[in-house]
């Protein structure tokens, strides 16, 4: 009887430890995210706030290359994200 209770406690403790240790909150991201003022598009003079995310990719490159491949995504966001930066006058 005591062995069953100790076994159940051990399983409960291990489950709690595994849940905490493998929690998504402990996950890390190598993505770089920044906000900047930039023209809305090519040939446009409207200045907007954009979020730019740079995500490193694990794909092979020629050995002569000293660069890391990345995927760049950007999207127009609220001006509140760029409020702390001076807005350029183009």
C-alpha atoms as a PDB file:
ATOM      1  CA  UNK A   1       0.000   0.000   0.000  1.00  0.00           C
ATOM      2  CA  UNK A   2       2.810   2.410   0.925  1.00  0.00           C
ATOM      3  CA  UNK A   3       4.626   1.531  -2.326  1.00  0.00           C
ATOM      4  CA  UNK A   4       1.560   2.435  -4.380  1.00  0.00           C
ATOM      5  CA  UNK A   5       1.190   5.788  -2.640  1.00  0.00           C
ATOM      6  CA  UNK A   6       4.923   6.597  -3.034  1.00  0.00           C
ATOM      7  CA  UNK A   7       4.765   5.545  -6.697  1.00  0.00           C
ATOM      8  CA  UNK A   8       1.763   7.799  -7.315  1.00  0.00           C
ATOM      9  CA  UNK A   9       3.501  10.732  -5.613  1.00  0.00           C
ATOM     10  CA  UNK A  10       6.669  10.134  -7.646  1.00  0.00           C
ATOM     11  CA  UNK A  11       4.674  10.087 -10.907  1.00  0.00           C
ATOM     12  CA  UNK A  12       2.831  13.285  -9.919  1.00  0.00           C
ATOM     13  CA  UNK A  13       6.102  15.079  -9.073  1.00  0.00           C
ATOM     14  CA  UNK A  14       7.740  13.961 -12.329  1.00  0.00           C
ATOM     15  CA  UNK A  15       4.704  15.095 -14.310  1.00  0.00           C
ATOM     16  CA  UNK A  16       4.786  18.539 -12.680  1.00  0.00           C
ATOM     17  CA  UNK A  17       8.529  18.890 -13.288  1.00  0.00           C
ATOM     18  CA  UNK A  18       8.183  17.856 -16.950  1.00  0.00           C
ATOM     19  CA  UNK A  19       5.278  20.284 -17.440  1.00  0.00           C
ATOM     20  CA  UNK A  20       7.250  23.189 -16.011  1.00  0.00           C
ATOM     21  CA  UNK A  21      10.495  22.311 -17.796  1.00  0.00           C
ATOM     22  CA  UNK A  22       8.871  21.825 -21.211  1.00  0.00           C
ATOM     23  CA  UNK A  23       6.465  24.745 -20.990  1.00  0.00           C
ATOM     24  CA  UNK A  24       6.158  26.910 -24.140  1.00  0.00           C
ATOM     25  CA  UNK A  25       6.957  29.908 -21.956  1.00  0.00           C
ATOM     26  CA  UNK A  26      10.483  28.543 -21.685  1.00  0.00           C
ATOM     27  CA  UNK A  27      10.839  28.466 -25.476  1.00  0.00           C
ATOM     28  CA  UNK A  28      13.336  30.778 -27.098  1.00  0.00           C
ATOM     29  CA  UNK A  29      13.136  32.452 -30.465  1.00  0.00           C
ATOM     30  CA  UNK A  30      16.017  33.503 -32.672  1.00  0.00           C
ATOM     31  CA  UNK A  31      13.785  35.889 -34.633  1.00  0.00           C
ATOM     32  CA  UNK A  32      14.755  39.547 -34.574  1.00  0.00           C
ATOM     33  CA  UNK A  33      11.807  41.941 -34.532  1.00  0.00           C
ATOM     34  CA  UNK A  34      12.050  45.688 -34.996  1.00  0.00           C
ATOM     35  CA  UNK A  35       9.799  48.604 -35.822  1.00  0.00           C
ATOM     36  CA  UNK A  36      10.747  51.415 -38.185  1.00  0.00           C
ATOM     37  CA  UNK A  37       9.401  54.303 -40.191  1.00  0.00           C
ATOM     38  CA  UNK A  38       9.562  53.592 -43.903  1.00  0.00           C
ATOM     39  CA  UNK A  39       7.784  54.495 -47.145  1.00  0.00           C
ATOM     40  CA  UNK A  40       4.552  52.515 -47.611  1.00  0.00           C
ATOM     41  CA  UNK A  41       5.866  51.083 -50.863  1.00  0.00           C
ATOM     42  CA  UNK A  42       8.116  51.642 -53.855  1.00  0.00           C
ATOM     43  CA  UNK A  43       7.434  55.030 -55.388  1.00  0.00           C
ATOM     44  CA  UNK A  44       5.117  56.093 -52.561  1.00  0.00           C
ATOM     45  CA  UNK A  45       5.820  59.089 -50.362  1.00  0.00           C
ATOM     46  CA  UNK A  46       3.561  58.137 -47.454  1.00  0.00           C
ATOM     47  CA  UNK A  47       5.600  57.234 -44.354  1.00  0.00           C
ATOM     48  CA  UNK A  48       4.215  54.347 -42.265  1.00  0.00           C
ATOM     49  CA  UNK A  49       5.320  52.311 -39.270  1.00  0.00           C
ATOM     50  CA  UNK A  50       6.385  48.780 -40.215  1.00  0.00           C
ATOM     51  CA  UNK A  51       7.219  45.724 -38.146  1.00  0.00           C
ATOM     52  CA  UNK A  52      10.131  43.814 -39.656  1.00  0.00           C
ATOM     53  CA  UNK A  53      10.841  40.225 -38.560  1.00  0.00           C
ATOM     54  CA  UNK A  54      14.096  38.541 -39.565  1.00  0.00           C
ATOM     55  CA  UNK A  55      14.002  34.757 -39.161  1.00  0.00           C
ATOM     56  CA  UNK A  56      17.220  32.702 -39.621  1.00  0.00           C
ATOM     57  CA  UNK A  57      16.757  29.661 -41.839  1.00  0.00           C
ATOM     58  CA  UNK A  58      18.583  26.355 -41.644  1.00  0.00           C
ATOM     59  CA  UNK A  59      19.277  25.695 -45.289  1.00  0.00           C
ATOM     60  CA  UNK A  60      22.601  24.888 -46.888  1.00  0.00           C
ATOM     61  CA  UNK A  61      24.664  27.568 -48.601  1.00  0.00           C
ATOM     62  CA  UNK A  62      27.842  27.230 -50.627  1.00  0.00           C
ATOM     63  CA  UNK A  63      30.902  26.860 -48.419  1.00  0.00           C
ATOM     64  CA  UNK A  64      32.325  30.044 -49.921  1.00  0.00           C
ATOM     65  CA  UNK A  65      29.410  32.032 -48.457  1.00  0.00           C
ATOM     66  CA  UNK A  66      29.969  33.682 -45.074  1.00  0.00           C
ATOM     67  CA  UNK A  67      26.338  34.721 -44.737  1.00  0.00           C
ATOM     68  CA  UNK A  68      23.411  33.154 -42.956  1.00  0.00           C
ATOM     69  CA  UNK A  69      20.177  32.686 -44.908  1.00  0.00           C
ATOM     70  CA  UNK A  70      17.213  34.569 -43.474  1.00  0.00           C
ATOM     71  CA  UNK A  71      13.560  35.114 -44.240  1.00  0.00           C
ATOM     72  CA  UNK A  72      12.383  38.717 -43.899  1.00  0.00           C
ATOM     73  CA  UNK A  73       8.733  39.557 -43.296  1.00  0.00           C
ATOM     74  CA  UNK A  74       7.286  43.030 -42.869  1.00  0.00           C
ATOM     75  CA  UNK A  75       3.841  44.453 -42.246  1.00  0.00           C
ATOM     76  CA  UNK A  76       2.388  47.900 -41.728  1.00  0.00           C
ATOM     77  CA  UNK A  77       1.330  48.341 -38.088  1.00  0.00           C
ATOM     78  CA  UNK A  78      -0.153  51.068 -35.901  1.00  0.00           C
ATOM     79  CA  UNK A  79       1.921  54.226 -35.515  1.00  0.00           C
ATOM     80  CA  UNK A  80       1.880  53.588 -31.749  1.00  0.00           C
ATOM     81  CA  UNK A  81       4.675  51.024 -32.204  1.00  0.00           C
ATOM     82  CA  UNK A  82       6.998  53.683 -33.677  1.00  0.00           C
ATOM     83  CA  UNK A  83       5.925  56.487 -31.323  1.00  0.00           C
ATOM     84  CA  UNK A  84       9.291  56.569 -29.550  1.00  0.00           C
ATOM     85  CA  UNK A  85      11.211  57.214 -32.786  1.00  0.00           C
ATOM     86  CA  UNK A  86      11.319  60.459 -34.734  1.00  0.00           C
ATOM     87  CA  UNK A  87       9.307  60.268 -37.953  1.00  0.00           C
ATOM     88  CA  UNK A  88      11.563  61.056 -40.937  1.00  0.00           C
ATOM     89  CA  UNK A  89      10.522  63.641 -43.500  1.00  0.00           C
ATOM     90  CA  UNK A  90      11.065  62.210 -46.975  1.00  0.00           C
END
